[in-house]
C-alpha atoms as a PDB file:
ATOM      1  CA  MET A   1      -0.401   6.196  -2.325  1.00  0.00           C
ATOM      2  CA  GLY A   2       2.061   8.238  -4.333  1.00  0.00           C
ATOM      3  CA  SER A   3       3.874   9.710  -1.354  1.00  0.00           C
ATOM      4  CA  THR A   4       4.060   6.301   0.320  1.00  0.00           C
ATOM      5  CA  VAL A   5       5.548   4.702  -2.795  1.00  0.00           C
ATOM      6  CA  CYS A   6       8.102   7.520  -3.115  1.00  0.00           C
ATOM      7  CA  GLU A   7       9.069   7.102   0.534  1.00  0.00           C
ATOM      8  CA  LEU A   8       9.295   3.340   0.072  1.00  0.00           C
ATOM      9  CA  SER A   9      11.614   3.667  -2.918  1.00  0.00           C
ATOM     10  CA  ARG A  10      13.770   6.165  -1.012  1.00  0.00           C
ATOM     11  CA  ILE A  11      14.096   3.757   1.922  1.00  0.00           C
ATOM     12  CA  MET A  12      14.909   0.884  -0.423  1.00  0.00           C
ATOM     13  CA  PHE A  13      17.702   2.877  -2.089  1.00  0.00           C
ATOM     14  CA  LEU A  14      19.024   3.836   1.347  1.00  0.00           C
ATOM     15  CA  LEU A  15      19.066   0.195   2.472  1.00  0.00           C
ATOM     16  CA  GLN A  16      20.854  -0.801  -0.733  1.00  0.00           C
ATOM     17  CA  ASP A  17      23.466   1.902  -0.072  1.00  0.00           C
ATOM     18  CA  PHE A  18      24.078   0.257   3.304  1.00  0.00           C
ATOM     19  CA  GLY A  19      24.651  -3.044   1.517  1.00  0.00           C
ATOM     20  CA  LEU A  20      21.418  -4.714   2.594  1.00  0.00           C
ATOM     21  CA  THR A  21      19.415  -6.880   0.228  1.00  0.00           C
ATOM     22  CA  VAL A  22      15.885  -5.691  -0.466  1.00  0.00           C
ATOM     23  CA  HIS A  23      13.451  -8.305  -1.723  1.00  0.00           C
ATOM     24  CA  THR A  24      11.066  -7.002  -4.353  1.00  0.00           C
ATOM     25  CA  PRO A  25       8.222  -6.679  -4.983  1.00  0.00           C
ATOM     26  CA  VAL A  26       7.302  -5.191  -1.634  1.00  0.00           C
ATOM     27  CA  PRO A  27       3.708  -5.937  -0.562  1.00  0.00           C
ATOM     28  CA  PHE A  28       1.722  -2.708  -0.722  1.00  0.00           C
ATOM     29  CA  LEU A  29      -1.628  -2.975   1.054  1.00  0.00           C
ATOM     30  CA  CYS A  30      -4.400  -0.527   0.246  1.00  0.00           C
ATOM     31  CA  ASP A  31      -8.096  -0.354   1.109  1.00  0.00           C
ATOM     32  CA  ASN A  32      -9.031   1.739  -1.941  1.00  0.00           C
ATOM     33  CA  GLN A  33     -10.065  -0.664  -4.691  1.00  0.00           C
ATOM     34  CA  ALA A  34     -10.461   2.096  -7.275  1.00  0.00           C
ATOM     35  CA  ALA A  35      -6.841   3.151  -6.803  1.00  0.00           C
ATOM     36  CA  LEU A  36      -5.706  -0.447  -7.193  1.00  0.00           C
ATOM     37  CA  HIS A  37      -7.666  -0.782 -10.444  1.00  0.00           C
ATOM     38  CA  ILE A  38      -6.088   2.406 -11.802  1.00  0.00           C
ATOM     39  CA  VAL A  39      -2.613   1.076 -10.974  1.00  0.00           C
ATOM     40  CA  ALA A  40      -3.221  -2.349 -12.511  1.00  0.00           C
ATOM     41  CA  ASN A  41      -5.241  -1.364 -15.588  1.00  0.00           C
ATOM     42  CA  PRO A  42      -3.894   1.402 -17.856  1.00  0.00           C
ATOM     43  CA  VAL A  43      -7.275   1.901 -19.546  1.00  0.00           C
ATOM     44  CA  PHE A  44      -9.262   2.297 -16.325  1.00  0.00           C
ATOM     45  CA  HIS A  45      -7.798   5.750 -15.585  1.00  0.00           C
ATOM     46  CA  GLU A  46      -9.364   7.180 -18.760  1.00  0.00           C
ATOM     47  CA  ARG A  47     -12.770   6.977 -17.076  1.00  0.00           C
ATOM     48  CA  THR A  48     -11.695   9.081 -14.109  1.00  0.00           C
ATOM     49  CA  LYS A  49     -12.297  12.811 -14.280  1.00  0.00           C
ATOM     50  CA  HIS A  50      -9.024  13.926 -12.696  1.00  0.00           C
ATOM     51  CA  LEU A  51      -5.879  11.830 -12.696  1.00  0.00           C
ATOM     52  CA  GLU A  52      -3.124  13.076 -10.462  1.00  0.00           C
ATOM     53  CA  ILE A  53       0.590  12.552 -10.984  1.00  0.00           C
ATOM     54  CA  ASP A  54       0.574  10.185  -7.993  1.00  0.00           C
ATOM     55  CA  CYS A  55      -1.210   7.539 -10.043  1.00  0.00           C
ATOM     56  CA  HIS A  56       1.511   7.678 -12.684  1.00  0.00           C
ATOM     57  CA  ILE A  57       4.255   7.311 -10.076  1.00  0.00           C
ATOM     58  CA  VAL A  58       2.565   4.321  -8.448  1.00  0.00           C
ATOM     59  CA  ARG A  59       1.891   2.728 -11.834  1.00  0.00           C
ATOM     60  CA  ASP A  60       5.536   3.150 -12.901  1.00  0.00           C
ATOM     61  CA  LYS A  61       6.797   1.542  -9.680  1.00  0.00           C
ATOM     62  CA  PHE A  62       4.294  -1.311 -10.127  1.00  0.00           C
ATOM     63  CA  LYS A  63       5.444  -1.913 -13.709  1.00  0.00           C
ATOM     64  CA  ALA A  64       9.089  -1.830 -12.575  1.00  0.00           C
ATOM     65  CA  GLY A  65       8.358  -4.601 -10.045  1.00  0.00           C
ATOM     66  CA  LEU A  66       9.046  -2.506  -6.959  1.00  0.00           C
ATOM     67  CA  ILE A  67       5.616  -2.955  -5.330  1.00  0.00           C
ATOM     68  CA  ALA A  68       2.890  -5.596  -5.325  1.00  0.00           C
ATOM     69  CA  PRO A  69      -0.366  -3.791  -4.556  1.00  0.00           C
ATOM     70  CA  ALA A  70      -3.070  -5.814  -2.831  1.00  0.00           C
ATOM     71  CA  HIS A  71      -6.455  -5.030  -1.327  1.00  0.00           C
ATOM     72  CA  VAL A  72      -7.041  -5.249   2.401  1.00  0.00           C
ATOM     73  CA  PRO A  73     -10.455  -4.429   3.873  1.00  0.00           C
ATOM     74  CA  SER A  74     -10.543  -1.402   6.172  1.00  0.00           C
ATOM     75  CA  LYS A  75     -11.598  -3.500   9.157  1.00  0.00           C
ATOM     76  CA  GLU A  76      -8.502  -5.688   8.832  1.00  0.00           C
ATOM     77  CA  GLN A  77      -5.965  -2.861   8.753  1.00  0.00           C
ATOM     78  CA  LEU A  78      -3.839  -2.697  11.864  1.00  0.00           C
ATOM     79  CA  ALA A  79      -3.217   0.998  11.183  1.00  0.00           C
ATOM     80  CA  ASP A  80      -6.883   1.698  12.013  1.00  0.00           C
ATOM     81  CA  ILE A  81      -6.633   0.323  15.542  1.00  0.00           C
ATOM     82  CA  PHE A  82      -7.765   3.578  17.139  1.00  0.00           C
ATOM     83  CA  LYS A  83     -10.942   3.915  15.113  1.00  0.00           C
ATOM     84  CA  ILE A  84     -14.086   2.729  16.773  1.00  0.00           C
ATOM     85  CA  PHE A  85     -15.013  -0.638  15.276  1.00  0.00           C
ATOM     86  CA  GLY A  86     -16.341  -2.169  18.450  1.00  0.00           C
ATOM     87  CA  CYS A  87     -14.915  -4.084  21.343  1.00  0.00           C
ATOM     88  CA  THR A  88     -14.629  -7.437  19.556  1.00  0.00           C
ATOM     89  CA  PHE A  89     -12.534  -5.956  16.754  1.00  0.00           C
ATOM     90  CA  PHE A  90     -10.145  -4.454  19.306  1.00  0.00           C
ATOM     91  CA  PHE A  91      -9.565  -7.846  20.897  1.00  0.00           C
ATOM     92  CA  VAL A  92      -8.979  -9.458  17.480  1.00  0.00           C
ATOM     93  CA  VAL A  93      -6.299  -6.854  16.746  1.00  0.00           C
ATOM     94  CA  VAL A  94      -4.726  -7.375  20.178  1.00  0.00           C
ATOM     95  CA  VAL A  95      -4.401 -11.084  19.396  1.00  0.00           C
ATOM     96  CA  GLN A  96      -3.002 -10.368  15.897  1.00  0.00           C
ATOM     97  CA  VAL A  97      -0.359  -8.049  17.285  1.00  0.00           C
ATOM     98  CA  GLY A  98       0.530 -10.587  19.979  1.00  0.00           C
ATOM     99  CA  LEU A  99      -0.361  -8.542  23.036  1.00  0.00           C
ATOM    100  CA  ASP A 100      -2.732 -11.105  24.540  1.00  0.00           C
END
């Protein structure tokens, strides 16, 4: 999540340099509910054994209003189209993408 948020902020600054308007907060979809709880709740991270710097970066960007993290189940992610979920899931994704 940390590298994605850093890349997102870099792209947003680049677009602003080109004079384009960037609407914030940017929806940030994630299938890891534990990571979303750590970002949203500052006390929750105290129960984790190891907290990486990525969590701090994501939390800072969330507090600044740059991203709006939300949960999306793994089966509904279009990025996982090549994983084997079954034939019916593939056809649902084809319809969602508009390739029907």
